[in-house]
Amino acid sequence: MRMEFYRPVNQVLQRYIEGYYFISPEGNNERLHYWTFPNNFFIVSVSRDIEIEANHKKITITPSLQENIIANFVSRYTSPIEVLVEGEVSEITIYFKPLAINYLFDNAHELLQMENTLGFNPFADFIPAMKRILLENNRTFQRQSLEDYWMSKLEIREPGLMESIVSDLESGLKIEDIARNNNFSRQYLNRLFTRNIGKPPSEFYRIHRFRKAIKKQKDIRNLTELSYESLFYDQSHLIRDFKQLTNVSPNAFFKKADTGNANVWLFV
């Protein structure tokens, strides 16, 4: 099997989609095994002719004798998920940026409350459209069709309050200061953030900081320096968060993780 990762060609979609990948039944290896670690994306996967077993720790995908299109999403997880793909499988997985689904789905708040689900079917034409895309053999046409589909569902709006709050949080501004600057209580900010992102700002920032450290690690080999560059209080703080989010120490994690990959949330 082969996994190919892409970023959107459409410049408008680049604001909403971090990237997407295709798994194709090509090549000599009929087994794909990797871990996916906590992130702040809303992840939608669509597969053709498969059976899937899933829990909060592991997802196993195998070919099915019956024709089908199965879609699922994951919006929140705080520990690694093991993914095992056995046999010849066709799949598309899309990584939507924080807030993006609020511009795509009318029931975004309900989806965020569920955190994950099988049998995802948000639009009347979703399954037929995904089936056509999965059956397309030309990758260029396949990508164009996928991006055209999501553009057709997108309600484009100017950046608003939530975009400003997310930007402030990602820059390292304290939650208390963000609330004060917007004349909110911290409790109200938590409710607003959870409604629009699916998790409280403290969890979002902890994962964002963890991801920031992963991106920076390829240029910084010292954990102490990495801690301060990634806005941790100190090295022990970084170690504690890494153990909570990866189940291993930072040194053990970085020995196995290829942090130079464009899709740093996947480590095969």
Protein backbone atom coordinates (compact mmCIF):
# COMPACT_ATOMS: atom_id res chain seq x y z
CA MET A 1 0.00 0.00 0.00
CA ARG A 2 1.03 3.58 -0.52
CA MET A 3 0.23 6.69 1.52
CA GLU A 4 0.54 10.06 -0.22
CA PHE A 5 0.10 13.33 1.66
CA TYR A 6 -0.91 16.64 0.03
CA ARG A 7 -1.69 20.18 1.04
CA PRO A 8 -4.62 21.95 -0.67
CA VAL A 9 -3.93 23.53 -4.04
CA ASN A 10 -6.96 25.81 -3.64
CA GLN A 11 -5.79 28.92 -1.78
CA VAL A 12 -9.15 29.42 -0.09
CA LEU A 13 -9.14 25.86 1.27
CA GLN A 14 -5.67 26.38 2.71
CA ARG A 15 -7.31 28.42 5.45
CA TYR A 16 -9.53 25.49 6.43
CA ILE A 17 -7.67 22.28 5.56
CA GLU A 18 -4.19 21.47 6.82
CA GLY A 19 -3.82 18.60 4.37
CA TYR A 20 -5.13 15.25 3.26
CA TYR A 21 -3.73 11.90 2.31
CA PHE A 22 -4.67 8.99 0.09
CA ILE A 23 -4.00 5.35 0.89
CA SER A 24 -3.91 3.30 -2.30
CA PRO A 25 -3.68 -0.48 -2.79
CA GLU A 26 -0.39 -0.20 -4.67
CA GLY A 27 3.13 -1.46 -4.07
CA ASN A 28 4.40 -4.63 -2.43
CA ASN A 29 3.54 -3.90 1.18
CA GLU A 30 -0.02 -4.93 2.05
CA ARG A 31 0.24 -3.73 5.64
CA LEU A 32 0.38 -0.18 6.99
CA HIS A 33 1.04 0.38 10.66
CA TYR A 34 1.49 3.71 12.42
CA TRP A 35 0.63 5.74 15.50
CA THR A 36 -1.23 9.01 15.39
CA PHE A 37 -0.66 11.40 18.28
CA PRO A 38 -2.95 14.07 19.77
CA ASN A 39 -3.60 17.12 17.59
CA ASN A 40 -6.18 19.89 17.27
CA PHE A 41 -7.55 18.89 13.87
CA PHE A 42 -10.99 17.54 12.98
CA ILE A 43 -10.10 14.37 11.07
CA VAL A 44 -12.46 12.80 8.51
CA SER A 45 -11.63 9.45 6.91
CA VAL A 46 -13.52 7.79 4.05
CA SER A 47 -12.72 4.23 2.93
CA ARG A 48 -14.03 1.88 0.26
CA ASP A 49 -14.96 -1.79 0.76
CA ILE A 50 -13.60 -2.16 4.28
CA GLU A 51 -14.37 -3.42 7.73
CA ILE A 52 -13.27 -1.32 10.68
CA GLU A 53 -12.79 -2.03 14.36
CA ALA A 54 -12.18 1.02 16.51
CA ASN A 55 -11.79 2.00 20.12
CA HIS A 56 -10.03 4.86 21.88
CA LYS A 57 -6.64 3.11 21.59
CA LYS A 58 -6.60 1.30 18.26
CA ILE A 59 -8.17 1.36 14.79
CA THR A 60 -7.93 -1.74 12.60
CA ILE A 61 -9.01 -1.61 8.94
CA THR A 62 -9.32 -4.69 6.74
CA PRO A 63 -10.84 -5.36 3.29
CA SER A 64 -14.49 -6.37 3.13
CA LEU A 65 -16.11 -8.84 0.76
CA GLN A 66 -19.09 -6.50 0.53
CA GLU A 67 -18.99 -3.20 -1.35
CA ASN A 68 -19.37 -0.19 0.90
CA ILE A 69 -18.24 3.33 1.67
CA ILE A 70 -17.52 3.95 5.34
CA ALA A 71 -16.76 7.38 6.76
CA ASN A 72 -15.76 8.32 10.28
CA PHE A 73 -14.37 11.31 12.11
CA VAL A 74 -12.23 12.00 15.16
CA SER A 75 -12.32 15.42 16.77
CA ARG A 76 -10.64 14.84 20.10
CA TYR A 77 -8.14 12.44 21.65
CA THR A 78 -5.44 12.96 24.28
CA SER A 79 -3.40 9.77 23.98
CA PRO A 80 -1.85 7.94 20.99
CA ILE A 81 -4.04 5.87 18.67
CA GLU A 82 -2.53 2.86 16.94
CA VAL A 83 -3.66 2.44 13.32
CA LEU A 84 -3.32 -0.87 11.47
CA VAL A 85 -4.38 -1.21 7.83
CA GLU A 86 -4.32 -4.80 6.55
CA GLY A 87 -4.71 -5.83 2.90
CA GLU A 88 -5.61 -3.68 -0.10
CA VAL A 89 -7.50 -0.60 1.07
CA SER A 90 -8.49 2.70 -0.57
CA GLU A 91 -8.87 5.64 1.80
CA ILE A 92 -8.99 9.43 1.91
CA THR A 93 -8.30 11.23 5.18
CA ILE A 94 -8.73 15.00 5.55
CA TYR A 95 -7.32 17.13 8.38
CA PHE A 96 -9.56 20.16 8.95
CA LYS A 97 -8.04 23.04 10.90
CA PRO A 98 -9.55 24.24 14.20
CA LEU A 99 -12.84 26.09 13.61
CA ALA A 100 -13.06 24.87 9.98
CA ILE A 101 -16.07 22.61 10.49
CA ASN A 102 -18.05 25.59 11.75
CA TYR A 103 -17.94 26.87 8.15
CA LEU A 104 -18.84 23.48 6.63
CA PHE A 105 -21.45 21.70 8.74
CA ASP A 106 -24.67 23.13 10.16
CA ASN A 107 -24.46 20.72 13.12
CA ALA A 108 -20.79 21.39 13.92
CA HIS A 109 -21.48 21.85 17.65
CA GLU A 110 -23.18 18.44 17.82
CA LEU A 111 -20.29 16.75 16.01
CA LEU A 112 -17.76 18.25 18.39
CA GLN A 113 -19.70 16.89 21.35
CA MET A 114 -19.49 13.35 19.95
CA GLU A 115 -15.67 13.47 19.62
CA ASN A 116 -15.68 10.55 17.15
CA THR A 117 -18.11 8.38 15.26
CA LEU A 118 -18.50 5.75 12.57
CA GLY A 119 -21.17 6.13 9.89
CA PHE A 120 -20.41 9.81 9.30
CA ASN A 121 -22.66 11.14 6.51
CA PRO A 122 -23.08 14.94 6.78
CA PHE A 123 -24.65 15.65 3.36
CA ALA A 124 -27.08 13.89 1.02
CA ASP A 125 -24.41 13.75 -1.70
CA PHE A 126 -21.46 12.96 0.58
CA ILE A 127 -21.22 9.18 0.17
CA PRO A 128 -21.84 9.19 -3.63
CA ALA A 129 -19.28 11.98 -4.09
CA MET A 130 -16.65 10.24 -1.96
CA LYS A 131 -17.24 6.99 -3.83
CA ARG A 132 -16.62 8.70 -7.18
CA ILE A 133 -13.45 10.27 -5.84
CA LEU A 134 -12.16 7.00 -4.41
CA LEU A 135 -12.79 5.23 -7.73
CA GLU A 136 -10.93 7.90 -9.74
CA ASN A 137 -7.58 6.56 -10.96
CA ASN A 138 -5.99 9.88 -11.93
CA ARG A 139 -4.52 11.50 -8.81
CA THR A 140 -4.68 15.02 -10.24
CA PHE A 141 -8.38 14.67 -11.05
CA GLN A 142 -8.93 12.98 -7.70
CA ARG A 143 -7.42 15.88 -5.79
CA GLN A 144 -9.32 18.44 -7.87
CA SER A 145 -12.62 16.64 -7.27
CA LEU A 146 -11.98 16.41 -3.53
CA GLU A 147 -11.14 20.09 -3.22
CA ASP A 148 -14.05 21.11 -5.44
CA TYR A 149 -16.41 19.13 -3.23
CA TRP A 150 -15.33 20.82 -0.01
CA MET A 151 -15.37 24.23 -1.67
CA SER A 152 -18.99 23.60 -2.63
CA LYS A 153 -19.85 23.09 1.07
CA LEU A 154 -17.85 25.99 2.44
CA GLU A 155 -19.54 29.06 3.87
CA ILE A 156 -16.80 31.66 3.61
CA ARG A 157 -16.82 34.33 6.29
CA GLU A 158 -14.39 36.94 7.48
CA PRO A 159 -12.30 35.93 10.51
CA GLY A 160 -14.16 36.73 13.70
CA LEU A 161 -13.85 36.54 17.46
CA MET A 162 -12.96 32.84 17.67
CA GLU A 163 -10.18 33.18 15.11
CA SER A 164 -8.74 36.00 17.20
CA ILE A 165 -8.98 33.93 20.39
CA VAL A 166 -7.30 30.90 18.79
CA SER A 167 -4.52 33.12 17.40
CA ASP A 168 -3.93 34.68 20.83
CA LEU A 169 -3.85 31.27 22.49
CA GLU A 170 -1.42 29.81 19.94
CA SER A 171 0.89 32.81 20.41
CA GLY A 172 1.21 31.95 24.10
CA LEU A 173 -1.11 34.56 25.62
CA LYS A 174 -2.45 33.33 28.95
CA ILE A 175 -6.07 32.19 29.09
CA GLU A 176 -6.81 34.66 31.88
CA ASP A 177 -5.45 37.53 29.76
CA ILE A 178 -7.45 36.46 26.69
CA ALA A 179 -10.64 36.41 28.78
CA ARG A 180 -9.85 39.79 30.32
CA ASN A 181 -9.02 41.39 26.95
CA ASN A 182 -12.43 40.30 25.64
CA ASN A 183 -14.35 41.21 28.81
CA PHE A 184 -15.13 37.54 29.47
CA SER A 185 -14.94 35.44 32.56
CA ARG A 186 -12.64 32.46 32.24
CA GLN A 187 -15.67 30.19 32.64
CA TYR A 188 -17.44 31.86 29.71
CA LEU A 189 -14.30 31.58 27.57
CA ASN A 190 -14.11 27.87 28.37
CA ARG A 191 -17.74 27.36 27.30
CA LEU A 192 -17.29 29.42 24.10
CA PHE A 193 -14.09 27.63 23.17
CA THR A 194 -15.48 24.15 23.86
CA ARG A 195 -18.59 24.88 21.81
CA ASN A 196 -16.58 25.98 18.77
CA ILE A 197 -13.46 23.80 19.06
CA GLY A 198 -14.69 20.76 20.96
CA LYS A 199 -12.27 21.05 23.87
CA PRO A 200 -11.35 23.62 26.53
CA PRO A 201 -8.61 26.15 25.77
CA SER A 202 -6.22 24.59 28.30
CA GLU A 203 -6.32 21.23 26.47
CA PHE A 204 -6.06 22.91 23.07
CA TYR A 205 -3.00 24.87 24.13
CA ARG A 206 -1.30 21.87 25.74
CA ILE A 207 -1.63 19.95 22.46
CA HIS A 208 -0.59 22.99 20.40
CA ARG A 209 2.54 23.43 22.52
CA PHE A 210 3.35 19.71 22.17
CA ARG A 211 3.01 20.00 18.38
CA LYS A 212 5.15 23.12 18.35
CA ALA A 213 7.92 21.23 20.14
CA ILE A 214 7.75 18.42 17.57
CA LYS A 215 8.22 20.88 14.72
CA LYS A 216 11.11 22.64 16.43
CA GLN A 217 12.94 19.51 17.57
CA LYS A 218 14.69 18.87 14.24
CA ASP A 219 16.60 22.15 14.71
CA ILE A 220 17.05 21.97 18.51
CA ARG A 221 18.65 18.90 20.08
CA ASN A 222 18.75 20.10 23.69
CA LEU A 223 15.57 19.46 25.68
CA THR A 224 16.09 22.47 27.89
CA GLU A 225 16.33 24.82 24.92
CA LEU A 226 13.43 23.05 23.24
CA SER A 227 11.32 23.57 26.37
CA TYR A 228 11.78 27.33 26.38
CA GLU A 229 11.50 27.71 22.60
CA SER A 230 8.17 25.85 22.71
CA LEU A 231 6.78 27.92 25.62
CA PHE A 232 7.03 25.24 28.33
CA TYR A 233 7.93 26.47 31.81
CA ASP A 234 10.99 24.22 31.98
CA GLN A 235 12.31 20.83 30.88
CA SER A 236 10.36 18.89 33.51
CA HIS A 237 7.16 20.51 32.24
CA LEU A 238 7.93 19.37 28.68
CA ILE A 239 8.72 15.84 29.86
CA ARG A 240 5.48 15.63 31.84
CA ASP A 241 3.34 16.76 28.89
CA PHE A 242 5.08 14.41 26.46
CA LYS A 243 4.53 11.45 28.74
CA GLN A 244 0.86 12.34 29.08
CA LEU A 245 0.32 12.77 25.32
CA THR A 246 2.60 10.04 23.93
CA ASN A 247 2.95 7.55 26.82
CA VAL A 248 6.75 7.77 26.49
CA SER A 249 9.52 10.22 27.36
CA PRO A 250 10.56 12.93 24.86
CA ASN A 251 13.88 11.15 24.20
CA ALA A 252 12.12 7.87 23.43
CA PHE A 253 9.56 9.65 21.28
CA PHE A 254 12.11 11.55 19.18
CA LYS A 255 14.20 8.41 18.61
CA LYS A 256 11.27 6.87 16.72
CA ALA A 257 9.54 9.93 15.25
CA ASP A 258 10.62 11.42 11.93
CA THR A 259 10.05 15.07 12.80
CA GLY A 260 11.25 16.15 9.35
CA ASN A 261 8.07 14.80 7.74
CA ALA A 262 5.60 17.36 6.37
CA ASN A 263 2.77 15.41 8.02
CA VAL A 264 4.32 15.38 11.47
CA TRP A 265 1.19 13.93 13.11
CA LEU A 266 1.86 10.58 11.43
CA PHE A 267 4.82 8.43 12.38
CA VAL A 268 4.97 5.20 10.38
